Amino acid sequence: MLKNISIIGDGGMGTVLGILLCEKKFTTRIWGYDGKQLARMEKDRENKKFLPGYKLPENLIFESDDSRIFSGADLVISAVPCQFNRSIWNRLKEYVPRNIPIVSVAKGIENKRLLRPTQILMEVLGLKKNARLIVLSGPTIADELARKLPATACAAAYDEKLAKQIQRTLSVPWFRVYTNTDIVGVELAGAMKNIIAIAAGIIDGTKAGDNAKAALLTRGLAEITRLGVACGAKPKTFSGLTGLGDLVTTCISPRGRNRSLGERIGKGQSTEQAQKATESVVEGVATCKSVVALARRYNVDMPITKAVYQVLFNNKPVKKAIQDLMNRKLKSE
């Protein structure tokens, strides 16, 4: 039984998983790279920066010491944004217990190296492909989890027994966890949907309408699936919780960071202005660069992703980007 758990990362998802695990009476410790932020959380019993308004359990332990956070741990949860994964785990790697299961909840693809979060962990920690790595992903907006609203997710691992163990560890009456063995598909779906969510926000910001948004989600899922399959994922993964399910939530929720950023851009803000409006990391911006590069590597057509890239990084006017998408050569669905 996994009852001593260390969470690396004090953002919204790491914090809400800490709340969940404490309610199950597990010994749960949380680590953050900023000791002052962690001290404020401990003093206030609230994560005012990333999950304001929710009281943190008295039995949630805060540990800023790199050498002590893994002491006695049976399970590690990596809740570090994808683009910071490498630097954080390089800092901590000498203290990580050998063969300990690590659950990654990051959603993104590393710039330049184009690696998924578990691939970064394998490279930094010197792990093999069949290592004890698990991906937890799905439609899991932290604020709703903190309110104990019904939610679901998938625990994906190469080892099905390990996936089931994580399923039992994280499931509670209001959070139902399924298992999956397609780590590649689950991670890619979780990363790429953030780009489509930015586009969905742009549609909201320009008031392009519900028909446009429905078309965006449908065609967006098609291009996500194309690249995922080209990278070795299973097609059915993209119609499940970590594909379609997460895509819908991220594109419609007013709390979604990526959708909200897109909405600000649709209303006329620059990419820089839209990013400065939130303290949270908006993974879809950096991931967009990586996905465009992956699409080029695998020769996969991704017109929506390319359009988002041009708006984010090439200052292409939003109306022109939408017009160009609508005027592409006609074809079958």
C-alpha atoms as a PDB file:
ATOM      1  CA  MET A   1       0.000   0.000   0.000  1.00  0.00           C
ATOM      2  CA  LEU A   2       1.278   3.449  -0.983  1.00  0.00           C
ATOM      3  CA  LYS A   3       0.694   5.598   2.098  1.00  0.00           C
ATOM      4  CA  ASN A   4       3.703   7.930   2.290  1.00  0.00           C
ATOM      5  CA  ILE A   5       3.538  10.343  -0.609  1.00  0.00           C
ATOM      6  CA  SER A   6       5.778  13.213  -1.684  1.00  0.00           C
ATOM      7  CA  ILE A   7       4.421  15.834  -4.076  1.00  0.00           C
ATOM      8  CA  ILE A   8       6.920  17.845  -6.112  1.00  0.00           C
ATOM      9  CA  GLY A   9       5.330  21.139  -7.134  1.00  0.00           C
ATOM     10  CA  ASP A  10       3.078  23.537  -5.237  1.00  0.00           C
ATOM     11  CA  GLY A  11       0.822  24.657  -8.087  1.00  0.00           C
ATOM     12  CA  GLY A  12      -2.920  24.091  -8.258  1.00  0.00           C
ATOM     13  CA  MET A  13      -2.825  20.417  -9.224  1.00  0.00           C
ATOM     14  CA  GLY A  14      -0.114  19.476  -6.736  1.00  0.00           C
ATOM     15  CA  THR A  15      -2.014  21.286  -3.982  1.00  0.00           C
ATOM     16  CA  VAL A  16      -5.390  19.709  -4.720  1.00  0.00           C
ATOM     17  CA  LEU A  17      -3.862  16.228  -4.836  1.00  0.00           C
ATOM     18  CA  GLY A  18      -2.306  16.993  -1.461  1.00  0.00           C
ATOM     19  CA  ILE A  19      -5.778  17.810  -0.109  1.00  0.00           C
ATOM     20  CA  LEU A  20      -7.220  14.597  -1.565  1.00  0.00           C
ATOM     21  CA  LEU A  21      -4.466  12.371  -0.177  1.00  0.00           C
ATOM     22  CA  CYS A  22      -4.613  13.946   3.283  1.00  0.00           C
ATOM     23  CA  GLU A  23      -8.338  13.227   3.407  1.00  0.00           C
ATOM     24  CA  LYS A  24      -7.465   9.575   2.798  1.00  0.00           C
ATOM     25  CA  LYS A  25      -5.189   9.790   5.863  1.00  0.00           C
ATOM     26  CA  PHE A  26      -2.020   9.264   3.850  1.00  0.00           C
ATOM     27  CA  THR A  27       1.171  10.904   5.055  1.00  0.00           C
ATOM     28  CA  THR A  28       1.531  13.624   2.430  1.00  0.00           C
ATOM     29  CA  ARG A  29       4.320  16.138   1.974  1.00  0.00           C
ATOM     30  CA  ILE A  30       4.582  18.876  -0.618  1.00  0.00           C
ATOM     31  CA  TRP A  31       7.753  20.514  -1.956  1.00  0.00           C
ATOM     32  CA  GLY A  32       8.165  23.729  -3.944  1.00  0.00           C
ATOM     33  CA  TYR A  33      11.209  25.353  -5.502  1.00  0.00           C
ATOM     34  CA  ASP A  34      10.384  28.652  -3.742  1.00  0.00           C
ATOM     35  CA  GLY A  35      10.810  28.149   0.003  1.00  0.00           C
ATOM     36  CA  LYS A  36       9.115  31.482   0.783  1.00  0.00           C
ATOM     37  CA  GLN A  37       5.979  30.512  -1.157  1.00  0.00           C
ATOM     38  CA  LEU A  38       5.907  27.165   0.671  1.00  0.00           C
ATOM     39  CA  ALA A  39       6.267  28.922   4.030  1.00  0.00           C
ATOM     40  CA  ARG A  40       3.324  31.200   3.196  1.00  0.00           C
ATOM     41  CA  MET A  41       1.201  28.176   2.356  1.00  0.00           C
ATOM     42  CA  GLU A  42       2.125  26.540   5.649  1.00  0.00           C
ATOM     43  CA  LYS A  43       1.384  29.687   7.642  1.00  0.00           C
ATOM     44  CA  ASP A  44      -1.883  30.581   5.873  1.00  0.00           C
ATOM     45  CA  ARG A  45      -3.011  26.954   5.345  1.00  0.00           C
ATOM     46  CA  GLU A  46      -4.000  28.152   1.888  1.00  0.00           C
ATOM     47  CA  ASN A  47      -2.334  28.355  -1.520  1.00  0.00           C
ATOM     48  CA  LYS A  48      -3.294  31.966  -2.203  1.00  0.00           C
ATOM     49  CA  LYS A  49      -1.152  32.108  -5.329  1.00  0.00           C
ATOM     50  CA  PHE A  50      -2.354  29.057  -7.257  1.00  0.00           C
ATOM     51  CA  LEU A  51      -5.487  27.705  -5.494  1.00  0.00           C
ATOM     52  CA  PRO A  52      -7.009  30.530  -3.443  1.00  0.00           C
ATOM     53  CA  GLY A  53     -10.062  30.042  -1.278  1.00  0.00           C
ATOM     54  CA  TYR A  54      -9.487  26.462  -0.111  1.00  0.00           C
ATOM     55  CA  LYS A  55      -8.233  25.526   3.354  1.00  0.00           C
ATOM     56  CA  LEU A  56      -5.290  23.146   3.383  1.00  0.00           C
ATOM     57  CA  PRO A  57      -5.503  20.175   5.776  1.00  0.00           C
ATOM     58  CA  GLU A  58      -3.613  20.445   9.043  1.00  0.00           C
ATOM     59  CA  ASN A  59      -1.938  17.108   8.285  1.00  0.00           C
ATOM     60  CA  LEU A  60      -0.460  18.330   4.973  1.00  0.00           C
ATOM     61  CA  ILE A  61       3.294  18.634   5.563  1.00  0.00           C
ATOM     62  CA  PHE A  62       5.437  21.277   3.851  1.00  0.00           C
ATOM     63  CA  GLU A  63       9.057  20.413   3.115  1.00  0.00           C
ATOM     64  CA  SER A  64      11.453  22.787   1.342  1.00  0.00           C
ATOM     65  CA  ASP A  65      14.597  20.733   2.012  1.00  0.00           C
ATOM     66  CA  ASP A  66      15.666  18.884  -1.151  1.00  0.00           C
ATOM     67  CA  SER A  67      17.358  16.117   0.796  1.00  0.00           C
ATOM     68  CA  ARG A  68      14.371  15.375   3.063  1.00  0.00           C
ATOM     69  CA  ILE A  69      11.351  15.511   0.754  1.00  0.00           C
ATOM     70  CA  PHE A  70      11.765  11.894  -0.412  1.00  0.00           C
ATOM     71  CA  SER A  71      12.579  10.432   3.020  1.00  0.00           C
ATOM     72  CA  GLY A  72      10.320   7.439   3.684  1.00  0.00           C
ATOM     73  CA  ALA A  73       8.247   8.027   0.532  1.00  0.00           C
ATOM     74  CA  ASP A  74       6.401   5.139  -1.160  1.00  0.00           C
ATOM     75  CA  LEU A  75       5.192   7.286  -4.068  1.00  0.00           C
ATOM     76  CA  VAL A  76       6.205  10.551  -5.723  1.00  0.00           C
ATOM     77  CA  ILE A  77       3.889  12.861  -7.647  1.00  0.00           C
ATOM     78  CA  SER A  78       5.570  15.200 -10.121  1.00  0.00           C
ATOM     79  CA  ALA A  79       3.356  18.283 -10.466  1.00  0.00           C
ATOM     80  CA  VAL A  80       5.946  20.496 -12.146  1.00  0.00           C
ATOM     81  CA  PRO A  81       5.056  22.386 -15.368  1.00  0.00           C
ATOM     82  CA  CYS A  82       6.615  20.624 -18.348  1.00  0.00           C
ATOM     83  CA  GLN A  83       9.103  23.338 -19.324  1.00  0.00           C
ATOM     84  CA  PHE A  84      10.550  23.314 -15.775  1.00  0.00           C
ATOM     85  CA  ASN A  85      10.671  19.530 -15.399  1.00  0.00           C
ATOM     86  CA  ARG A  86      14.290  19.154 -16.454  1.00  0.00           C
ATOM     87  CA  SER A  87      15.715  21.857 -14.178  1.00  0.00           C
ATOM     88  CA  ILE A  88      13.706  20.772 -11.116  1.00  0.00           C
ATOM     89  CA  TRP A  89      14.505  17.076 -11.470  1.00  0.00           C
ATOM     90  CA  ASN A  90      18.175  17.788 -12.180  1.00  0.00           C
ATOM     91  CA  ARG A  91      18.165  19.625  -8.854  1.00  0.00           C
ATOM     92  CA  LEU A  92      16.485  16.759  -6.989  1.00  0.00           C
ATOM     93  CA  LYS A  93      17.767  13.650  -8.765  1.00  0.00           C
ATOM     94  CA  GLU A  94      20.477  12.700  -6.273  1.00  0.00           C
ATOM     95  CA  TYR A  95      17.840  12.282  -3.557  1.00  0.00           C
ATOM     96  CA  VAL A  96      15.243  10.251  -5.525  1.00  0.00           C
ATOM     97  CA  PRO A  97      14.896   6.689  -4.140  1.00  0.00           C
ATOM     98  CA  ARG A  98      15.670   3.942  -6.602  1.00  0.00           C
ATOM     99  CA  ASN A  99      12.647   2.227  -8.208  1.00  0.00           C
ATOM    100  CA  ILE A 100      10.095   4.496  -6.510  1.00  0.00           C
ATOM    101  CA  PRO A 101       6.871   4.971  -8.520  1.00  0.00           C
ATOM    102  CA  ILE A 102       6.542   8.487  -9.953  1.00  0.00           C
ATOM    103  CA  VAL A 103       3.191   9.887 -11.104  1.00  0.00           C
ATOM    104  CA  SER A 104       3.472  12.750 -13.593  1.00  0.00           C
ATOM    105  CA  VAL A 105       0.580  15.204 -13.900  1.00  0.00           C
ATOM    106  CA  ALA A 106       2.346  17.668 -16.235  1.00  0.00           C
ATOM    107  CA  LYS A 107       0.759  18.446 -19.599  1.00  0.00           C
ATOM    108  CA  GLY A 108       3.177  19.661 -22.225  1.00  0.00           C
ATOM    109  CA  ILE A 109       6.046  18.865 -24.593  1.00  0.00           C
ATOM    110  CA  GLU A 110       9.545  20.143 -23.907  1.00  0.00           C
ATOM    111  CA  ASN A 111      10.864  22.785 -26.276  1.00  0.00           C
ATOM    112  CA  LYS A 112      13.900  21.920 -28.434  1.00  0.00           C
ATOM    113  CA  ARG A 113      14.200  18.292 -27.285  1.00  0.00           C
ATOM    114  CA  LEU A 114      10.485  17.633 -27.978  1.00  0.00           C
ATOM    115  CA  LEU A 115      10.169  15.202 -25.072  1.00  0.00           C
ATOM    116  CA  ARG A 116       7.074  14.298 -23.093  1.00  0.00           C
ATOM    117  CA  PRO A 117       7.201  14.714 -19.284  1.00  0.00           C
ATOM    118  CA  THR A 118       7.883  11.025 -18.598  1.00  0.00           C
ATOM    119  CA  GLN A 119      10.612  11.027 -21.228  1.00  0.00           C
ATOM    120  CA  ILE A 120      12.258  13.936 -19.425  1.00  0.00           C
ATOM    121  CA  LEU A 121      12.068  11.995 -16.152  1.00  0.00           C
ATOM    122  CA  MET A 122      13.578   8.918 -17.795  1.00  0.00           C
ATOM    123  CA  GLU A 123      16.441  10.950 -19.260  1.00  0.00           C
ATOM    124  CA  VAL A 124      17.234  12.988 -16.132  1.00  0.00           C
ATOM    125  CA  LEU A 125      16.879  10.102 -13.665  1.00  0.00           C
ATOM    126  CA  GLY A 126      18.493   7.497 -15.939  1.00  0.00           C
ATOM    127  CA  LEU A 127      15.393   5.279 -16.049  1.00  0.00           C
ATOM    128  CA  LYS A 128      14.432   2.573 -18.535  1.00  0.00           C
ATOM    129  CA  LYS A 129      11.302   2.703 -20.702  1.00  0.00           C
ATOM    130  CA  ASN A 130       9.481   0.194 -18.487  1.00  0.00           C
ATOM    131  CA  ALA A 131      10.336   2.143 -15.318  1.00  0.00           C
ATOM    132  CA  ARG A 132       7.763   2.712 -12.600  1.00  0.00           C
ATOM    133  CA  LEU A 133       6.335   5.820 -14.240  1.00  0.00           C
ATOM    134  CA  ILE A 134       2.657   6.711 -14.364  1.00  0.00           C
ATOM    135  CA  VAL A 135       0.777   9.516 -16.088  1.00  0.00           C
ATOM    136  CA  LEU A 136      -2.338  10.966 -14.450  1.00  0.00           C
ATOM    137  CA  SER A 137      -4.377  12.974 -16.920  1.00  0.00           C
ATOM    138  CA  GLY A 138      -7.922  13.876 -17.868  1.00  0.00           C
ATOM    139  CA  PRO A 139     -10.490  16.656 -17.411  1.00  0.00           C
ATOM    140  CA  THR A 140      -9.184  17.739 -14.013  1.00  0.00           C
ATOM    141  CA  ILE A 141      -9.523  21.460 -13.380  1.00  0.00           C
ATOM    142  CA  ALA A 142      -7.981  21.951  -9.936  1.00  0.00           C
ATOM    143  CA  ASP A 143     -10.600  24.394  -8.675  1.00  0.00           C
ATOM    144  CA  GLU A 144     -13.414  21.910  -9.330  1.00  0.00           C
ATOM    145  CA  LEU A 145     -11.465  19.089  -7.701  1.00  0.00           C
ATOM    146  CA  ALA A 146     -10.978  21.296  -4.641  1.00  0.00           C
ATOM    147  CA  ARG A 147     -14.758  21.794  -4.512  1.00  0.00           C
ATOM    148  CA  LYS A 148     -15.206  18.006  -4.665  1.00  0.00           C
ATOM    149  CA  LEU A 149     -17.275  18.173  -7.824  1.00  0.00           C
ATOM    150  CA  PRO A 150     -17.499  14.827  -9.686  1.00  0.00           C
ATOM    151  CA  ALA A 151     -14.432  14.271 -11.885  1.00  0.00           C
ATOM    152  CA  THR A 152     -12.573  11.495 -13.680  1.00  0.00           C
ATOM    153  CA  ALA A 153      -9.046  10.850 -14.903  1.00  0.00           C
ATOM    154  CA  CYS A 154      -6.816   8.076 -16.241  1.00  0.00           C
ATOM    155  CA  ALA A 155      -3.728   6.576 -14.647  1.00  0.00           C
ATOM    156  CA  ALA A 156      -1.586   5.334 -17.520  1.00  0.00           C
ATOM    157  CA  ALA A 157       1.441   3.072 -17.096  1.00  0.00           C
ATOM    158  CA  TYR A 158       3.292   0.451 -19.092  1.00  0.00           C
ATOM    159  CA  ASP A 159       2.745  -1.846 -16.101  1.00  0.00           C
ATOM    160  CA  GLU A 160      -1.011  -2.423 -15.761  1.00  0.00           C
ATOM    161  CA  LYS A 161      -0.645  -3.645 -12.159  1.00  0.00           C
ATOM    162  CA  LEU A 162       1.072  -0.385 -11.252  1.00  0.00           C
ATOM    163  CA  ALA A 163      -1.673   1.619 -12.970  1.00  0.00           C
ATOM    164  CA  LYS A 164      -4.266  -0.225 -10.872  1.00  0.00           C
ATOM    165  CA  GLN A 165      -2.287   0.488  -7.710  1.00  0.00           C
ATOM    166  CA  ILE A 166      -2.306   4.215  -8.481  1.00  0.00           C
ATOM    167  CA  GLN A 167      -5.994   3.964  -9.346  1.00  0.00           C
ATOM    168  CA  ARG A 168      -6.749   2.646  -5.863  1.00  0.00           C
ATOM    169  CA  THR A 169      -4.479   5.213  -4.208  1.00  0.00           C
ATOM    170  CA  LEU A 170      -6.062   8.267  -5.841  1.00  0.00           C
ATOM    171  CA  SER A 171      -9.720   7.274  -6.171  1.00  0.00           C
ATOM    172  CA  VAL A 172     -12.259   8.849  -3.813  1.00  0.00           C
ATOM    173  CA  PRO A 173     -16.072   9.029  -4.077  1.00  0.00           C
ATOM    174  CA  TRP A 174     -15.892  12.289  -6.063  1.00  0.00           C
ATOM    175  CA  PHE A 175     -12.788  11.453  -8.136  1.00  0.00           C
ATOM    176  CA  ARG A 176     -12.969   8.290 -10.252  1.00  0.00           C
ATOM    177  CA  VAL A 177      -9.706   7.056 -11.771  1.00  0.00           C
ATOM    178  CA  TYR A 178      -9.568   4.688 -14.752  1.00  0.00           C
ATOM    179  CA  THR A 179      -6.490   2.815 -15.990  1.00  0.00           C
ATOM    180  CA  ASN A 180      -4.748   2.934 -19.346  1.00  0.00           C
ATOM    181  CA  THR A 181      -1.533   1.558 -20.834  1.00  0.00           C
ATOM    182  CA  ASP A 182      -1.027   4.136 -23.601  1.00  0.00           C
ATOM    183  CA  ILE A 183       1.388   6.572 -21.951  1.00  0.00           C
ATOM    184  CA  VAL A 184       2.330   8.111 -25.316  1.00  0.00           C
ATOM    185  CA  GLY A 185      -1.274   8.880 -26.266  1.00  0.00           C
ATOM    186  CA  VAL A 186      -2.297  10.093 -22.824  1.00  0.00           C
ATOM    187  CA  GLU A 187       0.626  12.525 -22.566  1.00  0.00           C
ATOM    188  CA  LEU A 188       0.314  13.828 -26.127  1.00  0.00           C
ATOM    189  CA  ALA A 189      -3.443  14.329 -25.794  1.00  0.00           C
ATOM    190  CA  GLY A 190      -2.969  16.263 -22.559  1.00  0.00           C
ATOM    191  CA  ALA A 191      -0.350  18.486 -24.160  1.00  0.00           C
ATOM    192  CA  MET A 192      -1.944  19.203 -27.518  1.00  0.00           C
ATOM    193  CA  LYS A 193      -5.429  19.999 -26.244  1.00  0.00           C
ATOM    194  CA  ASN A 194      -4.010  23.146 -24.626  1.00  0.00           C
ATOM    195  CA  ILE A 195      -3.240  24.580 -28.066  1.00  0.00           C
ATOM    196  CA  ILE A 196      -6.793  23.962 -29.255  1.00  0.00           C
ATOM    197  CA  ALA A 197      -8.009  25.559 -26.012  1.00  0.00           C
ATOM    198  CA  ILE A 198      -6.095  28.735 -26.852  1.00  0.00           C
ATOM    199  CA  ALA A 199      -7.868  28.737 -30.228  1.00  0.00           C
ATOM    200  CA  ALA A 200     -11.207  28.190 -28.458  1.00  0.00           C
ATOM    201  CA  GLY A 201     -10.531  31.197 -26.275  1.00  0.00           C
ATOM    202  CA  ILE A 202      -9.701  33.285 -29.326  1.00  0.00           C
ATOM    203  CA  ILE A 203     -13.088  32.308 -30.772  1.00  0.00           C
ATOM    204  CA  ASP A 204     -14.752  33.379 -27.520  1.00  0.00           C
ATOM    205  CA  GLY A 205     -12.853  36.645 -27.507  1.00  0.00           C
ATOM    206  CA  THR A 206     -13.845  37.494 -31.083  1.00  0.00           C
ATOM    207  CA  LYS A 207     -17.419  36.279 -30.532  1.00  0.00           C
ATOM    208  CA  ALA A 208     -17.130  34.000 -33.568  1.00  0.00           C
ATOM    209  CA  GLY A 209     -19.965  31.832 -32.248  1.00  0.00           C
ATOM    210  CA  ASP A 210     -20.821  28.329 -31.110  1.00  0.00           C
ATOM    211  CA  ASN A 211     -20.766  26.834 -34.615  1.00  0.00           C
ATOM    212  CA  ALA A 212     -17.164  27.935 -35.012  1.00  0.00           C
ATOM    213  CA  LYS A 213     -16.226  26.534 -31.601  1.00  0.00           C
ATOM    214  CA  ALA A 214     -17.838  23.163 -32.342  1.00  0.00           C
ATOM    215  CA  ALA A 215     -15.961  22.980 -35.634  1.00  0.00           C
ATOM    216  CA  LEU A 216     -12.732  23.919 -33.868  1.00  0.00           C
ATOM    217  CA  LEU A 217     -13.052  21.140 -31.270  1.00  0.00           C
ATOM    218  CA  THR A 218     -13.933  18.560 -33.919  1.00  0.00           C
ATOM    219  CA  ARG A 219     -11.203  19.440 -36.379  1.00  0.00           C
ATOM    220  CA  GLY A 220      -8.776  20.108 -33.552  1.00  0.00           C
ATOM    221  CA  LEU A 221      -9.281  16.607 -32.215  1.00  0.00           C
ATOM    222  CA  ALA A 222      -8.699  15.235 -35.722  1.00  0.00           C
ATOM    223  CA  GLU A 223      -5.285  16.867 -36.004  1.00  0.00           C
ATOM    224  CA  ILE A 224      -4.338  15.928 -32.431  1.00  0.00           C
ATOM    225  CA  THR A 225      -5.144  12.309 -33.287  1.00  0.00           C
ATOM    226  CA  ARG A 226      -3.154  12.418 -36.539  1.00  0.00           C
ATOM    227  CA  LEU A 227       0.026  13.507 -34.813  1.00  0.00           C
ATOM    228  CA  GLY A 228      -0.534  11.207 -31.839  1.00  0.00           C
ATOM    229  CA  VAL A 229      -0.875   8.131 -34.038  1.00  0.00           C
ATOM    230  CA  ALA A 230       2.204   9.177 -36.028  1.00  0.00           C
ATOM    231  CA  CYS A 231       4.124   9.276 -32.713  1.00  0.00           C
ATOM    232  CA  GLY A 232       3.014   5.747 -31.794  1.00  0.00           C
ATOM    233  CA  ALA A 233      -0.143   6.375 -29.754  1.00  0.00           C
ATOM    234  CA  LYS A 234      -3.327   4.317 -29.940  1.00  0.00           C
ATOM    235  CA  PRO A 235      -6.136   6.031 -31.894  1.00  0.00           C
ATOM    236  CA  LYS A 236      -8.829   5.168 -29.331  1.00  0.00           C
ATOM    237  CA  THR A 237      -6.990   7.107 -26.599  1.00  0.00           C
ATOM    238  CA  PHE A 238      -7.983  10.381 -28.274  1.00  0.00           C
ATOM    239  CA  SER A 239     -11.704   9.619 -28.058  1.00  0.00           C
ATOM    240  CA  GLY A 240     -11.446   8.901 -24.320  1.00  0.00           C
ATOM    241  CA  LEU A 241     -11.151  10.920 -21.122  1.00  0.00           C
ATOM    242  CA  THR A 242      -7.608  12.107 -21.742  1.00  0.00           C
ATOM    243  CA  GLY A 243      -8.390  13.101 -25.325  1.00  0.00           C
ATOM    244  CA  LEU A 244     -11.912  14.301 -26.066  1.00  0.00           C
ATOM    245  CA  GLY A 245     -12.833  14.606 -22.384  1.00  0.00           C
ATOM    246  CA  ASP A 246      -9.921  16.862 -21.463  1.00  0.00           C
ATOM    247  CA  LEU A 247     -10.268  18.819 -24.702  1.00  0.00           C
ATOM    248  CA  VAL A 248     -13.923  19.690 -24.035  1.00  0.00           C
ATOM    249  CA  THR A 249     -13.280  20.783 -20.451  1.00  0.00           C
ATOM    250  CA  THR A 250     -10.293  22.914 -21.355  1.00  0.00           C
ATOM    251  CA  CYS A 251     -12.090  24.601 -24.238  1.00  0.00           C
ATOM    252  CA  ILE A 252     -15.311  25.479 -22.396  1.00  0.00           C
ATOM    253  CA  SER A 253     -14.312  26.143 -18.796  1.00  0.00           C
ATOM    254  CA  PRO A 254     -14.079  29.823 -17.837  1.00  0.00           C
ATOM    255  CA  ARG A 255     -11.312  28.783 -15.396  1.00  0.00           C
ATOM    256  CA  GLY A 256      -9.139  27.144 -18.046  1.00  0.00           C
ATOM    257  CA  ARG A 257      -5.806  29.006 -18.235  1.00  0.00           C
ATOM    258  CA  ASN A 258      -5.234  28.297 -21.931  1.00  0.00           C
ATOM    259  CA  ARG A 259      -8.771  29.204 -23.010  1.00  0.00           C
ATOM    260  CA  SER A 260      -8.632  32.378 -20.911  1.00  0.00           C
ATOM    261  CA  LEU A 261      -5.335  33.423 -22.479  1.00  0.00           C
ATOM    262  CA  GLY A 262      -6.821  32.861 -25.930  1.00  0.00           C
ATOM    263  CA  GLU A 263      -9.852  34.953 -25.019  1.00  0.00           C
ATOM    264  CA  ARG A 264      -7.624  37.856 -23.996  1.00  0.00           C
ATOM    265  CA  ILE A 265      -5.804  37.602 -27.341  1.00  0.00           C
ATOM    266  CA  GLY A 266      -9.136  37.435 -29.176  1.00  0.00           C
ATOM    267  CA  LYS A 267     -10.116  40.686 -27.459  1.00  0.00           C
ATOM    268  CA  GLY A 268      -6.987  42.414 -28.715  1.00  0.00           C
ATOM    269  CA  GLN A 269      -4.185  41.736 -26.225  1.00  0.00           C
ATOM    270  CA  SER A 270      -0.737  40.668 -27.379  1.00  0.00           C
ATOM    271  CA  THR A 271       0.661  37.268 -26.376  1.00  0.00           C
ATOM    272  CA  GLU A 272       2.922  38.981 -23.826  1.00  0.00           C
ATOM    273  CA  GLN A 273       0.054  40.970 -22.311  1.00  0.00           C
ATOM    274  CA  ALA A 274      -2.172  37.896 -22.122  1.00  0.00           C
ATOM    275  CA  GLN A 275       0.534  35.899 -20.346  1.00  0.00           C
ATOM    276  CA  LYS A 276       1.212  38.636 -17.808  1.00  0.00           C
ATOM    277  CA  ALA A 277      -2.451  38.628 -16.778  1.00  0.00           C
ATOM    278  CA  THR A 278      -1.964  35.365 -14.829  1.00  0.00           C
ATOM    279  CA  GLU A 279       0.650  34.058 -12.383  1.00  0.00           C
ATOM    280  CA  SER A 280       0.018  30.481 -13.509  1.00  0.00           C
ATOM    281  CA  VAL A 281       2.016  28.816 -16.273  1.00  0.00           C
ATOM    282  CA  VAL A 282      -0.018  28.633 -19.500  1.00  0.00           C
ATOM    283  CA  GLU A 283       1.463  25.437 -20.926  1.00  0.00           C
ATOM    284  CA  GLY A 284      -0.166  25.723 -24.346  1.00  0.00           C
ATOM    285  CA  VAL A 285       2.015  28.659 -25.407  1.00  0.00           C
ATOM    286  CA  ALA A 286       5.344  26.839 -25.110  1.00  0.00           C
ATOM    287  CA  THR A 287       3.789  23.529 -26.199  1.00  0.00           C
ATOM    288  CA  CYS A 288       2.616  25.126 -29.434  1.00  0.00           C
ATOM    289  CA  LYS A 289       6.248  25.569 -30.498  1.00  0.00           C
ATOM    290  CA  SER A 290       7.002  21.941 -29.727  1.00  0.00           C
ATOM    291  CA  VAL A 291       3.951  20.568 -31.544  1.00  0.00           C
ATOM    292  CA  VAL A 292       4.679  22.569 -34.690  1.00  0.00           C
ATOM    293  CA  ALA A 293       8.192  21.078 -34.650  1.00  0.00           C
ATOM    294  CA  LEU A 294       6.834  17.545 -34.052  1.00  0.00           C
ATOM    295  CA  ALA A 295       4.331  17.943 -36.883  1.00  0.00           C
ATOM    296  CA  ARG A 296       7.195  18.946 -39.154  1.00  0.00           C
ATOM    297  CA  ARG A 297       9.253  15.952 -38.008  1.00  0.00           C
ATOM    298  CA  TYR A 298       6.428  13.479 -38.727  1.00  0.00           C
ATOM    299  CA  ASN A 299       5.068  15.339 -41.774  1.00  0.00           C
ATOM    300  CA  VAL A 300       1.599  15.724 -40.223  1.00  0.00           C
ATOM    301  CA  ASP A 301      -0.777  18.461 -41.353  1.00  0.00           C
ATOM    302  CA  MET A 302      -1.975  20.567 -38.378  1.00  0.00           C
ATOM    303  CA  PRO A 303      -3.560  23.748 -39.749  1.00  0.00           C
ATOM    304  CA  ILE A 304      -5.199  24.900 -36.503  1.00  0.00           C
ATOM    305  CA  THR A 305      -2.000  24.482 -34.512  1.00  0.00           C
ATOM    306  CA  LYS A 306      -0.044  26.364 -37.180  1.00  0.00           C
ATOM    307  CA  ALA A 307      -2.597  29.170 -37.133  1.00  0.00           C
ATOM    308  CA  VAL A 308      -2.328  29.467 -33.338  1.00  0.00           C
ATOM    309  CA  TYR A 309       1.476  29.522 -33.662  1.00  0.00           C
ATOM    310  CA  GLN A 310       1.307  32.354 -36.203  1.00  0.00           C
ATOM    311  CA  VAL A 311      -0.964  34.390 -33.921  1.00  0.00           C
ATOM    312  CA  LEU A 312       1.151  33.742 -30.802  1.00  0.00           C
ATOM    313  CA  PHE A 313       4.625  34.211 -32.247  1.00  0.00           C
ATOM    314  CA  ASN A 314       4.364  35.906 -35.657  1.00  0.00           C
ATOM    315  CA  ASN A 315       1.828  38.608 -34.741  1.00  0.00           C
ATOM    316  CA  LYS A 316      -0.639  37.379 -37.361  1.00  0.00           C
ATOM    317  CA  PRO A 317      -3.983  39.175 -36.920  1.00  0.00           C
ATOM    318  CA  VAL A 318      -6.633  36.917 -35.437  1.00  0.00           C
ATOM    319  CA  LYS A 319      -9.218  37.730 -38.107  1.00  0.00           C
ATOM    320  CA  LYS A 320      -6.714  36.934 -40.858  1.00  0.00           C
ATOM    321  CA  ALA A 321      -5.832  33.592 -39.209  1.00  0.00           C
ATOM    322  CA  ILE A 322      -9.520  32.598 -39.027  1.00  0.00           C
ATOM    323  CA  GLN A 323     -10.118  33.746 -42.606  1.00  0.00           C
ATOM    324  CA  ASP A 324      -7.184  31.705 -43.911  1.00  0.00           C
ATOM    325  CA  LEU A 325      -8.418  28.571 -42.110  1.00  0.00           C
ATOM    326  CA  MET A 326     -11.891  28.980 -43.588  1.00  0.00           C
ATOM    327  CA  ASN A 327     -10.504  29.516 -47.109  1.00  0.00           C
ATOM    328  CA  ARG A 328      -8.325  26.413 -47.222  1.00  0.00           C
ATOM    329  CA  LYS A 329      -8.847  24.036 -50.152  1.00  0.00           C
ATOM    330  CA  LEU A 330     -12.121  22.126 -49.860  1.00  0.00           C
ATOM    331  CA  LYS A 331     -11.826  18.398 -49.076  1.00  0.00           C
ATOM    332  CA  SER A 332     -13.635  15.431 -47.500  1.00  0.00           C
ATOM    333  CA  GLU A 333     -13.868  15.256 -43.713  1.00  0.00           C
END
